[in-house]
Amino acid sequence: MALLTDGNPNDTEALRVYESSILDVAHVEGIDLDAKLSLATEEVSQEVLNFLLDHAAADPVGSGRRAEGVADVVVTAQVKRWHALHTLAVVYRDAFNNQLNDRYQTKWDEYRQLARGAKELTMRFGIGLVNAPIPVAQQPVLSSVGGV
């Protein structure tokens, strides 16, 4: 499983599972889905950190949680779902604010409620943590060496 700090838990294809027209909406409204995925990752990460700080007594990292941040948080199925729904809420919020179109407001409200429910379930059943987190490796840098 990936760590929350390894990048976005979902991609645009994963969003299409929840909302088949999301690519069309983003294109028509000029919304950068990759930017919204990153924003949702930051917001979910902050909510997770707040939760962990609030429950520091039960946290294995304890008082070092601020320094650790969310580097040891695993992207569970619940976190992945929460992230996808939160991203869709962010996208439809932007689409609504661009056009003040009631159709977008309805979708925004729907995904905001679904994301809130996904967040509550995630917090209720716990955040996955690992003792020795190993982040995804950086892309290797290759260079050529003159003839030998």
C-alpha atoms as a PDB file:
ATOM      1  CA  MET A   1       0.000   0.000   0.000  1.00  0.00           C
ATOM      2  CA  ALA A   2       1.092   3.515  -0.714  1.00  0.00           C
ATOM      3  CA  LEU A   3       1.743   6.207   1.843  1.00  0.00           C
ATOM      4  CA  LEU A   4      -0.301   9.390   1.901  1.00  0.00           C
ATOM      5  CA  THR A   5       2.887  11.348   1.181  1.00  0.00           C
ATOM      6  CA  ASP A   6       3.662   9.311  -1.971  1.00  0.00           C
ATOM      7  CA  GLY A   7       1.349  11.431  -4.133  1.00  0.00           C
ATOM      8  CA  ASN A   8      -2.328  11.617  -4.914  1.00  0.00           C
ATOM      9  CA  PRO A   9      -4.270   8.540  -3.773  1.00  0.00           C
ATOM     10  CA  ASN A  10      -6.416   8.769  -6.932  1.00  0.00           C
ATOM     11  CA  ASP A  11      -6.003   9.869 -10.524  1.00  0.00           C
ATOM     12  CA  THR A  12      -8.468  11.193 -13.090  1.00  0.00           C
ATOM     13  CA  GLU A  13      -9.373   7.671 -14.176  1.00  0.00           C
ATOM     14  CA  ALA A  14     -10.340   6.784 -10.591  1.00  0.00           C
ATOM     15  CA  LEU A  15     -12.574   9.862 -10.466  1.00  0.00           C
ATOM     16  CA  ARG A  16     -14.404   8.612 -13.557  1.00  0.00           C
ATOM     17  CA  VAL A  17     -15.481   5.553 -11.577  1.00  0.00           C
ATOM     18  CA  TYR A  18     -17.515   7.850  -9.321  1.00  0.00           C
ATOM     19  CA  GLU A  19     -18.532  10.437 -11.943  1.00  0.00           C
ATOM     20  CA  SER A  20     -18.407   9.407 -15.585  1.00  0.00           C
ATOM     21  CA  SER A  21     -18.745  12.973 -16.885  1.00  0.00           C
ATOM     22  CA  ILE A  22     -16.010  14.524 -14.715  1.00  0.00           C
ATOM     23  CA  LEU A  23     -13.533  14.892 -17.589  1.00  0.00           C
ATOM     24  CA  ASP A  24     -16.147  16.704 -19.688  1.00  0.00           C
ATOM     25  CA  VAL A  25     -17.117  19.018 -16.824  1.00  0.00           C
ATOM     26  CA  ALA A  26     -13.469  19.838 -16.140  1.00  0.00           C
ATOM     27  CA  HIS A  27     -12.815  20.537 -19.820  1.00  0.00           C
ATOM     28  CA  VAL A  28     -15.904  22.717 -20.315  1.00  0.00           C
ATOM     29  CA  GLU A  29     -15.300  24.703 -17.120  1.00  0.00           C
ATOM     30  CA  GLY A  30     -11.520  24.935 -17.542  1.00  0.00           C
ATOM     31  CA  ILE A  31     -10.754  23.090 -14.303  1.00  0.00           C
ATOM     32  CA  ASP A  32      -7.345  21.446 -13.885  1.00  0.00           C
ATOM     33  CA  LEU A  33      -8.166  18.030 -12.415  1.00  0.00           C
ATOM     34  CA  ASP A  34      -4.561  17.297 -11.478  1.00  0.00           C
ATOM     35  CA  ALA A  35      -4.434  20.519  -9.461  1.00  0.00           C
ATOM     36  CA  LYS A  36      -7.712  19.615  -7.729  1.00  0.00           C
ATOM     37  CA  LEU A  37      -6.429  16.103  -6.960  1.00  0.00           C
ATOM     38  CA  SER A  38      -3.354  17.668  -5.327  1.00  0.00           C
ATOM     39  CA  LEU A  39      -5.456  20.188  -3.412  1.00  0.00           C
ATOM     40  CA  ALA A  40      -7.714  17.402  -2.122  1.00  0.00           C
ATOM     41  CA  THR A  41      -4.633  15.415  -1.067  1.00  0.00           C
ATOM     42  CA  GLU A  42      -3.360  18.398   0.927  1.00  0.00           C
ATOM     43  CA  GLU A  43      -6.755  18.938   2.559  1.00  0.00           C
ATOM     44  CA  VAL A  44      -7.263  15.264   3.425  1.00  0.00           C
ATOM     45  CA  SER A  45      -3.694  15.101   4.765  1.00  0.00           C
ATOM     46  CA  GLN A  46      -4.368  18.095   7.000  1.00  0.00           C
ATOM     47  CA  GLU A  47      -7.589  16.539   8.317  1.00  0.00           C
ATOM     48  CA  VAL A  48      -5.745  13.279   9.043  1.00  0.00           C
ATOM     49  CA  LEU A  49      -2.948  15.158  10.825  1.00  0.00           C
ATOM     50  CA  ASN A  50      -5.492  17.083  12.905  1.00  0.00           C
ATOM     51  CA  PHE A  51      -7.149  13.790  13.865  1.00  0.00           C
ATOM     52  CA  LEU A  52      -3.832  12.214  14.827  1.00  0.00           C
ATOM     53  CA  LEU A  53      -2.794  15.256  16.853  1.00  0.00           C
ATOM     54  CA  ASP A  54      -6.151  15.179  18.619  1.00  0.00           C
ATOM     55  CA  HIS A  55      -5.604  11.511  19.496  1.00  0.00           C
ATOM     56  CA  ALA A  56      -1.895  11.797  20.352  1.00  0.00           C
ATOM     57  CA  ALA A  57      -2.259   9.722  23.536  1.00  0.00           C
ATOM     58  CA  ALA A  58      -3.142   6.629  21.469  1.00  0.00           C
ATOM     59  CA  ASP A  59      -0.667   7.436  18.692  1.00  0.00           C
ATOM     60  CA  PRO A  60       2.483   5.262  18.530  1.00  0.00           C
ATOM     61  CA  VAL A  61       4.480   8.320  17.435  1.00  0.00           C
ATOM     62  CA  GLY A  62       3.066  10.243  20.401  1.00  0.00           C
ATOM     63  CA  SER A  63       4.566  13.669  20.952  1.00  0.00           C
ATOM     64  CA  GLY A  64       6.604  13.403  17.747  1.00  0.00           C
ATOM     65  CA  ARG A  65       3.485  13.532  15.586  1.00  0.00           C
ATOM     66  CA  ARG A  66       4.014  17.150  14.515  1.00  0.00           C
ATOM     67  CA  ALA A  67       7.488  16.344  13.221  1.00  0.00           C
ATOM     68  CA  GLU A  68       6.344  13.068  11.622  1.00  0.00           C
ATOM     69  CA  GLY A  69       3.282  14.653  10.020  1.00  0.00           C
ATOM     70  CA  VAL A  70       1.475  12.111   7.866  1.00  0.00           C
ATOM     71  CA  ALA A  71       4.611  10.398   6.534  1.00  0.00           C
ATOM     72  CA  ASP A  72       3.556   7.110   8.164  1.00  0.00           C
ATOM     73  CA  VAL A  73      -0.106   7.194   7.074  1.00  0.00           C
ATOM     74  CA  VAL A  74      -1.173   4.421   4.699  1.00  0.00           C
ATOM     75  CA  VAL A  75      -3.644   5.032   1.880  1.00  0.00           C
ATOM     76  CA  THR A  76      -6.331   2.555   2.871  1.00  0.00           C
ATOM     77  CA  ALA A  77      -9.456   1.908   0.827  1.00  0.00           C
ATOM     78  CA  GLN A  78     -11.339   4.299   3.121  1.00  0.00           C
ATOM     79  CA  VAL A  79      -8.810   7.109   2.647  1.00  0.00           C
ATOM     80  CA  LYS A  80      -8.819   6.525  -1.113  1.00  0.00           C
ATOM     81  CA  ARG A  81     -12.615   6.781  -1.251  1.00  0.00           C
ATOM     82  CA  TRP A  82     -12.632   9.890   0.958  1.00  0.00           C
ATOM     83  CA  HIS A  83     -10.018  11.518  -1.287  1.00  0.00           C
ATOM     84  CA  ALA A  84     -11.964  10.751  -4.477  1.00  0.00           C
ATOM     85  CA  LEU A  85     -15.236  12.107  -3.090  1.00  0.00           C
ATOM     86  CA  HIS A  86     -13.538  15.182  -1.644  1.00  0.00           C
ATOM     87  CA  THR A  87     -11.855  15.852  -4.999  1.00  0.00           C
ATOM     88  CA  LEU A  88     -15.202  15.663  -6.782  1.00  0.00           C
ATOM     89  CA  ALA A  89     -16.708  18.072  -4.245  1.00  0.00           C
ATOM     90  CA  VAL A  90     -13.832  20.502  -4.882  1.00  0.00           C
ATOM     91  CA  VAL A  91     -14.276  20.230  -8.668  1.00  0.00           C
ATOM     92  CA  TYR A  92     -18.027  20.818  -8.535  1.00  0.00           C
ATOM     93  CA  ARG A  93     -17.538  23.681  -6.072  1.00  0.00           C
ATOM     94  CA  ASP A  94     -15.316  25.362  -8.646  1.00  0.00           C
ATOM     95  CA  ALA A  95     -17.709  24.581 -11.487  1.00  0.00           C
ATOM     96  CA  PHE A  96     -20.602  26.066  -9.506  1.00  0.00           C
ATOM     97  CA  ASN A  97     -18.632  29.189  -8.633  1.00  0.00           C
ATOM     98  CA  ASN A  98     -17.643  29.623 -12.304  1.00  0.00           C
ATOM     99  CA  GLN A  99     -21.203  29.531 -13.640  1.00  0.00           C
ATOM    100  CA  LEU A 100     -23.517  29.713 -10.596  1.00  0.00           C
ATOM    101  CA  ASN A 101     -25.318  26.805 -12.234  1.00  0.00           C
ATOM    102  CA  ASP A 102     -27.761  24.962  -9.949  1.00  0.00           C
ATOM    103  CA  ARG A 103     -26.892  21.678 -11.643  1.00  0.00           C
ATOM    104  CA  TYR A 104     -23.340  22.048 -10.381  1.00  0.00           C
ATOM    105  CA  GLN A 105     -24.513  23.088  -6.925  1.00  0.00           C
ATOM    106  CA  THR A 106     -26.550  19.894  -6.616  1.00  0.00           C
ATOM    107  CA  LYS A 107     -23.503  17.795  -7.526  1.00  0.00           C
ATOM    108  CA  TRP A 108     -21.311  19.856  -5.190  1.00  0.00           C
ATOM    109  CA  ASP A 109     -23.738  19.286  -2.288  1.00  0.00           C
ATOM    110  CA  GLU A 110     -24.008  15.577  -3.073  1.00  0.00           C
ATOM    111  CA  TYR A 111     -20.251  14.994  -3.176  1.00  0.00           C
ATOM    112  CA  ARG A 112     -19.655  17.201  -0.154  1.00  0.00           C
ATOM    113  CA  GLN A 113     -22.085  15.057   1.874  1.00  0.00           C
ATOM    114  CA  LEU A 114     -20.605  11.817   0.541  1.00  0.00           C
ATOM    115  CA  ALA A 115     -17.079  13.051   1.348  1.00  0.00           C
ATOM    116  CA  ARG A 116     -18.163  14.041   4.856  1.00  0.00           C
ATOM    117  CA  GLY A 117     -19.585  10.555   5.397  1.00  0.00           C
ATOM    118  CA  ALA A 118     -16.422   8.923   4.028  1.00  0.00           C
ATOM    119  CA  LYS A 119     -14.312  11.093   6.345  1.00  0.00           C
ATOM    120  CA  GLU A 120     -16.435  10.158   9.371  1.00  0.00           C
ATOM    121  CA  LEU A 121     -16.117   6.441   8.585  1.00  0.00           C
ATOM    122  CA  THR A 122     -12.371   6.771   8.092  1.00  0.00           C
ATOM    123  CA  MET A 123     -11.973   8.565  11.405  1.00  0.00           C
ATOM    124  CA  ARG A 124     -14.330   6.174  13.188  1.00  0.00           C
ATOM    125  CA  PHE A 125     -12.514   3.012  12.142  1.00  0.00           C
ATOM    126  CA  GLY A 126      -9.029   4.457  12.300  1.00  0.00           C
ATOM    127  CA  ILE A 127      -6.168   5.702  10.215  1.00  0.00           C
ATOM    128  CA  GLY A 128      -3.691   3.121   8.942  1.00  0.00           C
ATOM    129  CA  LEU A 129      -0.156   3.723  10.208  1.00  0.00           C
ATOM    130  CA  VAL A 130       3.116   1.892   9.598  1.00  0.00           C
ATOM    131  CA  ASN A 131       6.060   1.680  11.986  1.00  0.00           C
ATOM    132  CA  ALA A 132       8.802   2.053   9.389  1.00  0.00           C
ATOM    133  CA  PRO A 133       7.440   3.985   6.394  1.00  0.00           C
ATOM    134  CA  ILE A 134       9.322   3.591   3.129  1.00  0.00           C
ATOM    135  CA  PRO A 135       8.371   6.307   0.653  1.00  0.00           C
ATOM    136  CA  VAL A 136       8.177   5.656  -3.066  1.00  0.00           C
ATOM    137  CA  ALA A 137      11.628   5.901  -4.627  1.00  0.00           C
ATOM    138  CA  GLN A 138      12.536   8.946  -6.700  1.00  0.00           C
ATOM    139  CA  GLN A 139      12.867   8.553 -10.451  1.00  0.00           C
ATOM    140  CA  PRO A 140      16.449   7.564 -11.275  1.00  0.00           C
ATOM    141  CA  VAL A 141      18.618  10.118 -13.015  1.00  0.00           C
ATOM    142  CA  LEU A 142      20.576   8.639 -15.893  1.00  0.00           C
ATOM    143  CA  SER A 143      23.519  10.089 -17.691  1.00  0.00           C
ATOM    144  CA  SER A 144      25.921   8.806 -20.259  1.00  0.00           C
ATOM    145  CA  VAL A 145      29.588   8.235 -19.638  1.00  0.00           C
ATOM    146  CA  GLY A 146      32.227   8.677 -22.339  1.00  0.00           C
ATOM    147  CA  GLY A 147      33.712   5.577 -24.018  1.00  0.00           C
ATOM    148  CA  VAL A 148      35.648   3.168 -21.921  1.00  0.00           C
END
